Full PDB file with SEQRES, HELIX, SHEET, SSBOND, CRYST1, ORIGX, SCALE, CONECT and MASTER records, all heavy atoms in Angstrom:
SEQRES   1 A   34  VAL PRO GLU PHE ASP TYR ILE VAL THR PRO GLU ALA LYS          
SEQRES   2 A   34  SER ILE PRO LEU ALA TYR GLU MET SER ARG LEU SER GLY          
SEQRES   3 A   34  LYS LYS TYR ILE VAL ALA ARG LYS                              
HELIX    1 AA1 ILE A   15  SER A   25  1                                  11    
SHEET    1 AA1 2 ILE A   7  PRO A  10  0                                        
SHEET    2 AA1 2 TYR A  29  ALA A  32  1                                        
CRYST1    1.000    1.000    1.000  90.00  90.00  90.00 P 1           1          
ORIGX1      1.000000  0.000000  0.000000        0.00000                         
ORIGX2      0.000000  1.000000  0.000000        0.00000                         
ORIGX3      0.000000  0.000000  1.000000        0.00000                         
SCALE1      1.000000  0.000000  0.000000        0.00000                         
SCALE2      0.000000  1.000000  0.000000        0.00000                         
SCALE3      0.000000  0.000000  1.000000        0.00000                         
ATOM      1  N   VAL A   1     201.168  91.485 182.498  1.00  0.00           N  
ATOM      2  CA  VAL A   1     200.246  92.071 183.484  1.00  0.00           C  
ATOM      3  C   VAL A   1     198.860  91.435 183.391  1.00  0.00           C  
ATOM      4  O   VAL A   1     198.472  90.916 182.357  1.00  0.00           O  
ATOM      5  CB  VAL A   1     200.132  93.613 183.309  1.00  0.00           C  
ATOM      6  CG1 VAL A   1     201.483  94.278 183.541  1.00  0.00           C  
ATOM      7  CG2 VAL A   1     199.551  93.992 181.964  1.00  0.00           C  
ATOM      8  N   PRO A   2     198.089  91.492 184.495  1.00  0.00           N  
ATOM      9  CA  PRO A   2     196.710  90.982 184.465  1.00  0.00           C  
ATOM     10  C   PRO A   2     195.789  91.941 183.705  1.00  0.00           C  
ATOM     11  O   PRO A   2     196.196  93.041 183.325  1.00  0.00           O  
ATOM     12  CB  PRO A   2     196.335  90.926 185.948  1.00  0.00           C  
ATOM     13  CG  PRO A   2     197.169  91.981 186.592  1.00  0.00           C  
ATOM     14  CD  PRO A   2     198.463  92.007 185.823  1.00  0.00           C  
ATOM     15  N   GLU A   3     194.557  91.513 183.506  1.00  0.00           N  
ATOM     16  CA  GLU A   3     193.559  92.367 182.862  1.00  0.00           C  
ATOM     17  C   GLU A   3     193.389  93.659 183.660  1.00  0.00           C  
ATOM     18  O   GLU A   3     193.421  93.642 184.889  1.00  0.00           O  
ATOM     19  CB  GLU A   3     192.213  91.650 182.776  1.00  0.00           C  
ATOM     20  CG  GLU A   3     192.170  90.555 181.743  1.00  0.00           C  
ATOM     21  CD  GLU A   3     192.257  91.077 180.315  1.00  0.00           C  
ATOM     22  OE1 GLU A   3     191.582  92.079 180.001  1.00  0.00           O  
ATOM     23  OE2 GLU A   3     193.028  90.485 179.530  1.00  0.00           O  
ATOM     24  N   PHE A   4     193.191  94.756 182.943  1.00  0.00           N  
ATOM     25  CA  PHE A   4     193.019  96.055 183.598  1.00  0.00           C  
ATOM     26  C   PHE A   4     192.100  96.927 182.764  1.00  0.00           C  
ATOM     27  O   PHE A   4     191.885  96.663 181.576  1.00  0.00           O  
ATOM     28  CB  PHE A   4     194.379  96.752 183.812  1.00  0.00           C  
ATOM     29  CG  PHE A   4     195.111  97.067 182.533  1.00  0.00           C  
ATOM     30  CD1 PHE A   4     194.956  98.304 181.910  1.00  0.00           C  
ATOM     31  CD2 PHE A   4     195.946  96.134 181.941  1.00  0.00           C  
ATOM     32  CE1 PHE A   4     195.612  98.594 180.727  1.00  0.00           C  
ATOM     33  CE2 PHE A   4     196.608  96.413 180.755  1.00  0.00           C  
ATOM     34  CZ  PHE A   4     196.442  97.650 180.148  1.00  0.00           C  
ATOM     35  N   ASP A   5     191.547  97.961 183.417  1.00  0.00           N  
ATOM     36  CA  ASP A   5     190.667  98.909 182.744  1.00  0.00           C  
ATOM     37  C   ASP A   5     191.356 100.244 182.478  1.00  0.00           C  
ATOM     38  O   ASP A   5     191.059 100.911 181.495  1.00  0.00           O  
ATOM     39  CB  ASP A   5     189.417  99.163 183.599  1.00  0.00           C  
ATOM     40  CG  ASP A   5     188.643  97.887 183.872  1.00  0.00           C  
ATOM     41  OD1 ASP A   5     188.316  97.180 182.906  1.00  0.00           O  
ATOM     42  OD2 ASP A   5     188.377  97.592 185.058  1.00  0.00           O  
ATOM     43  N   TYR A   6     192.252 100.643 183.394  1.00  0.00           N  
ATOM     44  CA  TYR A   6     192.953 101.931 183.287  1.00  0.00           C  
ATOM     45  C   TYR A   6     194.408 101.764 183.697  1.00  0.00           C  
ATOM     46  O   TYR A   6     194.730 100.899 184.510  1.00  0.00           O  
ATOM     47  CB  TYR A   6     192.323 102.987 184.224  1.00  0.00           C  
ATOM     48  CG  TYR A   6     190.969 103.456 183.779  1.00  0.00           C  
ATOM     49  CD1 TYR A   6     189.809 102.865 184.260  1.00  0.00           C  
ATOM     50  CD2 TYR A   6     190.852 104.510 182.877  1.00  0.00           C  
ATOM     51  CE1 TYR A   6     188.559 103.297 183.849  1.00  0.00           C  
ATOM     52  CE2 TYR A   6     189.601 104.947 182.462  1.00  0.00           C  
ATOM     53  CZ  TYR A   6     188.466 104.336 182.947  1.00  0.00           C  
ATOM     54  OH  TYR A   6     187.235 104.770 182.536  1.00  0.00           O  
ATOM     55  N   ILE A   7     195.242 102.629 183.144  1.00  0.00           N  
ATOM     56  CA  ILE A   7     196.646 102.743 183.527  1.00  0.00           C  
ATOM     57  C   ILE A   7     196.807 104.067 184.261  1.00  0.00           C  
ATOM     58  O   ILE A   7     196.276 105.086 183.820  1.00  0.00           O  
ATOM     59  CB  ILE A   7     197.558 102.742 182.279  1.00  0.00           C  
ATOM     60  CG1 ILE A   7     197.502 101.393 181.561  1.00  0.00           C  
ATOM     61  CG2 ILE A   7     198.993 103.123 182.650  1.00  0.00           C  
ATOM     62  CD1 ILE A   7     198.152 101.403 180.185  1.00  0.00           C  
ATOM     63  N   VAL A   8     197.542 104.041 185.374  1.00  0.00           N  
ATOM     64  CA  VAL A   8     197.892 105.279 186.070  1.00  0.00           C  
ATOM     65  C   VAL A   8     199.411 105.313 186.207  1.00  0.00           C  
ATOM     66  O   VAL A   8     200.032 104.300 186.563  1.00  0.00           O  
ATOM     67  CB  VAL A   8     197.220 105.391 187.448  1.00  0.00           C  
ATOM     68  CG1 VAL A   8     197.711 106.634 188.185  1.00  0.00           C  
ATOM     69  CG2 VAL A   8     195.709 105.444 187.293  1.00  0.00           C  
ATOM     70  N   THR A   9     199.991 106.462 185.916  1.00  0.00           N  
ATOM     71  CA  THR A   9     201.439 106.643 186.013  1.00  0.00           C  
ATOM     72  C   THR A   9     201.740 107.985 186.660  1.00  0.00           C  
ATOM     73  O   THR A   9     200.950 108.920 186.519  1.00  0.00           O  
ATOM     74  CB  THR A   9     202.085 106.546 184.611  1.00  0.00           C  
ATOM     75  OG1 THR A   9     203.501 106.440 184.734  1.00  0.00           O  
ATOM     76  CG2 THR A   9     201.749 107.735 183.735  1.00  0.00           C  
ATOM     77  N   PRO A  10     202.856 108.085 187.368  1.00  0.00           N  
ATOM     78  CA  PRO A  10     203.229 109.399 187.903  1.00  0.00           C  
ATOM     79  C   PRO A  10     203.746 110.294 186.784  1.00  0.00           C  
ATOM     80  O   PRO A  10     204.188 109.802 185.734  1.00  0.00           O  
ATOM     81  CB  PRO A  10     204.340 109.075 188.904  1.00  0.00           C  
ATOM     82  CG  PRO A  10     204.933 107.799 188.405  1.00  0.00           C  
ATOM     83  CD  PRO A  10     203.799 107.042 187.761  1.00  0.00           C  
ATOM     84  N   GLU A  11     203.693 111.592 187.014  1.00  0.00           N  
ATOM     85  CA  GLU A  11     204.225 112.544 186.037  1.00  0.00           C  
ATOM     86  C   GLU A  11     205.751 112.466 186.108  1.00  0.00           C  
ATOM     87  O   GLU A  11     206.395 113.141 186.906  1.00  0.00           O  
ATOM     88  CB  GLU A  11     203.735 113.959 186.374  1.00  0.00           C  
ATOM     89  CG  GLU A  11     204.111 114.982 185.338  1.00  0.00           C  
ATOM     90  CD  GLU A  11     203.509 116.346 185.627  1.00  0.00           C  
ATOM     91  OE1 GLU A  11     203.311 116.679 186.810  1.00  0.00           O  
ATOM     92  OE2 GLU A  11     203.246 117.062 184.670  1.00  0.00           O  
ATOM     93  N   ALA A  12     206.307 111.570 185.280  1.00  0.00           N  
ATOM     94  CA  ALA A  12     207.730 111.268 185.316  1.00  0.00           C  
ATOM     95  C   ALA A  12     208.135 110.605 184.004  1.00  0.00           C  
ATOM     96  O   ALA A  12     207.377 110.618 183.035  1.00  0.00           O  
ATOM     97  CB  ALA A  12     208.029 110.361 186.512  1.00  0.00           C  
ATOM     98  N   LYS A  13     209.317 109.976 184.023  1.00  0.00           N  
ATOM     99  CA  LYS A  13     209.853 109.350 182.816  1.00  0.00           C  
ATOM    100  C   LYS A  13     209.024 108.172 182.325  1.00  0.00           C  
ATOM    101  O   LYS A  13     209.265 107.649 181.251  1.00  0.00           O  
ATOM    102  CB  LYS A  13     211.301 108.904 183.062  1.00  0.00           C  
ATOM    103  CG  LYS A  13     212.254 110.042 183.332  1.00  0.00           C  
ATOM    104  CD  LYS A  13     213.706 109.596 183.448  1.00  0.00           C  
ATOM    105  CE  LYS A  13     213.971 108.520 184.420  1.00  0.00           C  
ATOM    106  NZ  LYS A  13     214.012 108.877 185.831  1.00  0.00           N  
ATOM    107  N   SER A  14     208.033 107.766 183.090  1.00  0.00           N  
ATOM    108  CA  SER A  14     207.186 106.632 182.696  1.00  0.00           C  
ATOM    109  C   SER A  14     206.048 107.035 181.763  1.00  0.00           C  
ATOM    110  O   SER A  14     205.345 106.165 181.245  1.00  0.00           O  
ATOM    111  CB  SER A  14     206.611 105.970 183.946  1.00  0.00           C  
ATOM    112  OG  SER A  14     205.924 106.937 184.731  1.00  0.00           O  
ATOM    113  N   ILE A  15     205.855 108.307 181.504  1.00  0.00           N  
ATOM    114  CA  ILE A  15     204.734 108.740 180.661  1.00  0.00           C  
ATOM    115  C   ILE A  15     204.788 108.132 179.259  1.00  0.00           C  
ATOM    116  O   ILE A  15     203.771 107.620 178.775  1.00  0.00           O  
ATOM    117  CB  ILE A  15     204.605 110.276 180.619  1.00  0.00           C  
ATOM    118  CG1 ILE A  15     204.179 110.797 181.998  1.00  0.00           C  
ATOM    119  CG2 ILE A  15     203.620 110.724 179.546  1.00  0.00           C  
ATOM    120  CD1 ILE A  15     204.157 112.312 182.123  1.00  0.00           C  
ATOM    121  N   PRO A  16     205.933 108.132 178.570  1.00  0.00           N  
ATOM    122  CA  PRO A  16     205.937 107.505 177.238  1.00  0.00           C  
ATOM    123  C   PRO A  16     205.572 106.017 177.288  1.00  0.00           C  
ATOM    124  O   PRO A  16     204.893 105.515 176.396  1.00  0.00           O  
ATOM    125  CB  PRO A  16     207.378 107.695 176.743  1.00  0.00           C  
ATOM    126  CG  PRO A  16     207.935 108.802 177.563  1.00  0.00           C  
ATOM    127  CD  PRO A  16     207.226 108.753 178.885  1.00  0.00           C  
ATOM    128  N   LEU A  17     205.992 105.324 178.335  1.00  0.00           N  
ATOM    129  CA  LEU A  17     205.665 103.908 178.499  1.00  0.00           C  
ATOM    130  C   LEU A  17     204.167 103.721 178.705  1.00  0.00           C  
ATOM    131  O   LEU A  17     203.544 102.854 178.079  1.00  0.00           O  
ATOM    132  CB  LEU A  17     206.453 103.322 179.672  1.00  0.00           C  
ATOM    133  CG  LEU A  17     206.218 101.856 179.980  1.00  0.00           C  
ATOM    134  CD1 LEU A  17     206.654 100.972 178.820  1.00  0.00           C  
ATOM    135  CD2 LEU A  17     206.953 101.476 181.263  1.00  0.00           C  
ATOM    136  N   ALA A  18     203.580 104.536 179.577  1.00  0.00           N  
ATOM    137  CA  ALA A  18     202.133 104.450 179.814  1.00  0.00           C  
ATOM    138  C   ALA A  18     201.361 104.752 178.531  1.00  0.00           C  
ATOM    139  O   ALA A  18     200.366 104.084 178.227  1.00  0.00           O  
ATOM    140  CB  ALA A  18     201.724 105.412 180.925  1.00  0.00           C  
ATOM    141  N   TYR A  19     201.821 105.747 177.787  1.00  0.00           N  
ATOM    142  CA  TYR A  19     201.175 106.076 176.511  1.00  0.00           C  
ATOM    143  C   TYR A  19     201.205 104.864 175.574  1.00  0.00           C  
ATOM    144  O   TYR A  19     200.187 104.489 174.986  1.00  0.00           O  
ATOM    145  CB  TYR A  19     201.863 107.272 175.839  1.00  0.00           C  
ATOM    146  CG  TYR A  19     201.463 107.406 174.398  1.00  0.00           C  
ATOM    147  CD1 TYR A  19     200.275 108.055 174.050  1.00  0.00           C  
ATOM    148  CD2 TYR A  19     202.212 106.829 173.379  1.00  0.00           C  
ATOM    149  CE1 TYR A  19     199.867 108.136 172.732  1.00  0.00           C  
ATOM    150  CE2 TYR A  19     201.810 106.901 172.059  1.00  0.00           C  
ATOM    151  CZ  TYR A  19     200.641 107.560 171.735  1.00  0.00           C  
ATOM    152  OH  TYR A  19     200.237 107.621 170.434  1.00  0.00           O  
ATOM    153  N   GLU A  20     202.378 104.266 175.416  1.00  0.00           N  
ATOM    154  CA  GLU A  20     202.511 103.148 174.484  1.00  0.00           C  
ATOM    155  C   GLU A  20     201.700 101.944 174.952  1.00  0.00           C  
ATOM    156  O   GLU A  20     201.064 101.264 174.132  1.00  0.00           O  
ATOM    157  CB  GLU A  20     203.984 102.778 174.283  1.00  0.00           C  
ATOM    158  CG  GLU A  20     204.216 101.689 173.269  1.00  0.00           C  
ATOM    159  CD  GLU A  20     203.750 102.000 171.853  1.00  0.00           C  
ATOM    160  OE1 GLU A  20     203.484 103.166 171.519  1.00  0.00           O  
ATOM    161  OE2 GLU A  20     203.650 101.041 171.043  1.00  0.00           O  
ATOM    162  N   MET A  21     201.677 101.681 176.243  1.00  0.00           N  
ATOM    163  CA  MET A  21     200.855 100.583 176.754  1.00  0.00           C  
ATOM    164  C   MET A  21     199.378 100.885 176.530  1.00  0.00           C  
ATOM    165  O   MET A  21     198.595  99.980 176.212  1.00  0.00           O  
ATOM    166  CB  MET A  21     201.161 100.327 178.223  1.00  0.00           C  
ATOM    167  CG  MET A  21     202.551  99.741 178.452  1.00  0.00           C  
ATOM    168  SD  MET A  21     202.986  99.536 180.201  1.00  0.00           S  
ATOM    169  CE  MET A  21     201.960  98.127 180.634  1.00  0.00           C  
ATOM    170  N   SER A  22     198.999 102.129 176.647  1.00  0.00           N  
ATOM    171  CA  SER A  22     197.627 102.552 176.386  1.00  0.00           C  
ATOM    172  C   SER A  22     197.283 102.364 174.907  1.00  0.00           C  
ATOM    173  O   SER A  22     196.225 101.833 174.566  1.00  0.00           O  
ATOM    174  CB  SER A  22     197.457 104.018 176.794  1.00  0.00           C  
ATOM    175  OG  SER A  22     196.200 104.511 176.420  1.00  0.00           O  
ATOM    176  N   ARG A  23     198.185 102.784 174.054  1.00  0.00           N  
ATOM    177  CA  ARG A  23     197.962 102.666 172.604  1.00  0.00           C  
ATOM    178  C   ARG A  23     197.803 101.210 172.198  1.00  0.00           C  
ATOM    179  O   ARG A  23     196.886 100.844 171.455  1.00  0.00           O  
ATOM    180  CB  ARG A  23     199.122 103.311 171.846  1.00  0.00           C  
ATOM    181  CG  ARG A  23     198.899 103.434 170.345  1.00  0.00           C  
ATOM    182  CD  ARG A  23     200.147 103.944 169.631  1.00  0.00           C  
ATOM    183  NE  ARG A  23     201.186 102.937 169.604  1.00  0.00           N  
ATOM    184  CZ  ARG A  23     201.199 101.884 168.774  1.00  0.00           C  
ATOM    185  NH1 ARG A  23     200.210 101.687 167.921  1.00  0.00           N  
ATOM    186  NH2 ARG A  23     202.199 101.023 168.803  1.00  0.00           N  
ATOM    187  N   LEU A  24     198.684 100.357 172.715  1.00  0.00           N  
ATOM    188  CA  LEU A  24     198.646  98.940 172.348  1.00  0.00           C  
ATOM    189  C   LEU A  24     197.425  98.217 172.929  1.00  0.00           C  
ATOM    190  O   LEU A  24     196.879  97.322 172.299  1.00  0.00           O  
ATOM    191  CB  LEU A  24     199.921  98.231 172.815  1.00  0.00           C  
ATOM    192  CG  LEU A  24     201.209  98.607 172.091  1.00  0.00           C  
ATOM    193  CD1 LEU A  24     202.411  97.988 172.786  1.00  0.00           C  
ATOM    194  CD2 LEU A  24     201.151  98.186 170.620  1.00  0.00           C  
ATOM    195  N   SER A  25     197.009  98.594 174.138  1.00  0.00           N  
ATOM    196  CA  SER A  25     195.905  97.896 174.810  1.00  0.00           C  
ATOM    197  C   SER A  25     194.539  98.512 174.522  1.00  0.00           C  
ATOM    198  O   SER A  25     193.515  97.871 174.747  1.00  0.00           O  
ATOM    199  CB  SER A  25     196.130  97.909 176.325  1.00  0.00           C  
ATOM    200  OG  SER A  25     196.021  99.231 176.836  1.00  0.00           O  
ATOM    201  N   GLY A  26     194.527  99.761 174.067  1.00  0.00           N  
ATOM    202  CA  GLY A  26     193.265 100.458 173.858  1.00  0.00           C  
ATOM    203  C   GLY A  26     192.642 100.962 175.151  1.00  0.00           C  
ATOM    204  O   GLY A  26     191.492 101.389 175.163  1.00  0.00           O  
ATOM    205  N   LYS A  27     193.400 100.937 176.249  1.00  0.00           N  
ATOM    206  CA  LYS A  27     192.905 101.381 177.553  1.00  0.00           C  
ATOM    207  C   LYS A  27     193.472 102.767 177.871  1.00  0.00           C  
ATOM    208  O   LYS A  27     194.626 103.059 177.584  1.00  0.00           O  
ATOM    209  CB  LYS A  27     193.309 100.403 178.668  1.00  0.00           C  
ATOM    210  CG  LYS A  27     192.887  98.961 178.409  1.00  0.00           C  
ATOM    211  CD  LYS A  27     191.386  98.791 178.423  1.00  0.00           C  
ATOM    212  CE  LYS A  27     190.950  97.414 178.024  1.00  0.00           C  
ATOM    213  NZ  LYS A  27     190.879  96.472 179.096  1.00  0.00           N  
ATOM    214  N   LYS A  28     192.663 103.614 178.484  1.00  0.00           N  
ATOM    215  CA  LYS A  28     193.048 104.988 178.809  1.00  0.00           C  
ATOM    216  C   LYS A  28     194.156 105.008 179.853  1.00  0.00           C  
ATOM    217  O   LYS A  28     194.166 104.192 180.769  1.00  0.00           O  
ATOM    218  CB  LYS A  28     191.828 105.741 179.337  1.00  0.00           C  
ATOM    219  CG  LYS A  28     192.091 107.183 179.751  1.00  0.00           C  
ATOM    220  CD  LYS A  28     190.807 107.836 180.275  1.00  0.00           C  
ATOM    221  CE  LYS A  28     191.053 109.217 180.831  1.00  0.00           C  
ATOM    222  NZ  LYS A  28     191.279 110.244 179.856  1.00  0.00           N  
ATOM    223  N   TYR A  29     195.072 105.984 179.708  1.00  0.00           N  
ATOM    224  CA  TYR A  29     196.056 106.203 180.768  1.00  0.00           C  
ATOM    225  C   TYR A  29     195.833 107.565 181.399  1.00  0.00           C  
ATOM    226  O   TYR A  29     195.370 108.495 180.760  1.00  0.00           O  
ATOM    227  CB  TYR A  29     197.493 106.052 180.272  1.00  0.00           C  
ATOM    228  CG  TYR A  29     198.080 107.193 179.489  1.00  0.00           C  
ATOM    229  CD1 TYR A  29     198.926 108.121 180.115  1.00  0.00           C  
ATOM    230  CD2 TYR A  29     197.829 107.352 178.134  1.00  0.00           C  
ATOM    231  CE1 TYR A  29     199.489 109.165 179.406  1.00  0.00           C  
ATOM    232  CE2 TYR A  29     198.390 108.385 177.423  1.00  0.00           C  
ATOM    233  CZ  TYR A  29     199.218 109.290 178.057  1.00  0.00           C  
ATOM    234  OH  TYR A  29     199.776 110.328 177.351  1.00  0.00           O  
ATOM    235  N   ILE A  30     196.126 107.632 182.688  1.00  0.00           N  
ATOM    236  CA  ILE A  30     195.930 108.826 183.490  1.00  0.00           C  
ATOM    237  C   ILE A  30     197.249 109.147 184.178  1.00  0.00           C  
ATOM    238  O   ILE A  30     197.914 108.247 184.688  1.00  0.00           O  
ATOM    239  CB  ILE A  30     194.810 108.593 184.530  1.00  0.00           C  
ATOM    240  CG1 ILE A  30     193.463 108.388 183.810  1.00  0.00           C  
ATOM    241  CG2 ILE A  30     194.740 109.742 185.528  1.00  0.00           C  
ATOM    242  CD1 ILE A  30     192.341 107.913 184.719  1.00  0.00           C  
ATOM    243  N   VAL A  31     197.597 110.429 184.207  1.00  0.00           N  
ATOM    244  CA  VAL A  31     198.840 110.862 184.823  1.00  0.00           C  
ATOM    245  C   VAL A  31     198.550 111.536 186.162  1.00  0.00           C  
ATOM    246  O   VAL A  31     197.773 112.490 186.224  1.00  0.00           O  
ATOM    247  CB  VAL A  31     199.604 111.839 183.899  1.00  0.00           C  
ATOM    248  CG1 VAL A  31     200.876 112.342 184.572  1.00  0.00           C  
ATOM    249  CG2 VAL A  31     199.922 111.175 182.555  1.00  0.00           C  
ATOM    250  N   ALA A  32     199.163 111.017 187.223  1.00  0.00           N  
ATOM    251  CA  ALA A  32     199.116 111.675 188.533  1.00  0.00           C  
ATOM    252  C   ALA A  32     200.141 112.806 188.468  1.00  0.00           C  
ATOM    253  O   ALA A  32     201.332 112.560 188.272  1.00  0.00           O  
ATOM    254  CB  ALA A  32     199.449 110.691 189.646  1.00  0.00           C  
ATOM    255  N   ARG A  33     199.673 114.032 188.577  1.00  0.00           N  
ATOM    256  CA  ARG A  33     200.505 115.211 188.342  1.00  0.00           C  
ATOM    257  C   ARG A  33     201.325 115.602 189.559  1.00  0.00           C  
ATOM    258  O   ARG A  33     200.984 115.278 190.689  1.00  0.00           O  
ATOM    259  CB  ARG A  33     199.610 116.386 187.922  1.00  0.00           C  
ATOM    260  CG  ARG A  33     198.707 116.108 186.707  1.00  0.00           C  
ATOM    261  CD  ARG A  33     199.466 115.781 185.445  1.00  0.00           C  
ATOM    262  NE  ARG A  33     200.318 116.874 185.043  1.00  0.00           N  
ATOM    263  CZ  ARG A  33     200.004 117.790 184.127  1.00  0.00           C  
ATOM    264  NH1 ARG A  33     198.851 117.735 183.506  1.00  0.00           N  
ATOM    265  NH2 ARG A  33     200.853 118.752 183.834  1.00  0.00           N  
ATOM    266  N   LYS A  34     202.412 116.340 189.313  1.00  0.00           N  
ATOM    267  CA  LYS A  34     203.285 116.828 190.387  1.00  0.00           C  
ATOM    268  C   LYS A  34     202.855 118.196 190.905  1.00  0.00           C  
ATOM    269  O   LYS A  34     203.435 118.692 191.862  1.00  0.00           O  
ATOM    270  CB  LYS A  34     204.728 116.898 189.897  1.00  0.00           C  
ATOM    271  CG  LYS A  34     205.336 115.537 189.686  1.00  0.00           C  
ATOM    272  CD  LYS A  34     206.785 115.653 189.275  1.00  0.00           C  
ATOM    273  CE  LYS A  34     207.395 114.286 189.084  1.00  0.00           C  
ATOM    274  NZ  LYS A  34     208.781 114.369 188.612  1.00  0.00           N  
TER     275      LYS A  34                                                      
MASTER        0    0    0    1    2    0    0    6  274    1    0    3          
END                                                                             
């Protein structure tokens, strides 16, 4: 992926992935809620 400041993911099965990408990159993740 290109450089980014924030991760956004839907409230779904992608949350663990967004968390791990956030942890590895040091960038905040935000969940769009249902």
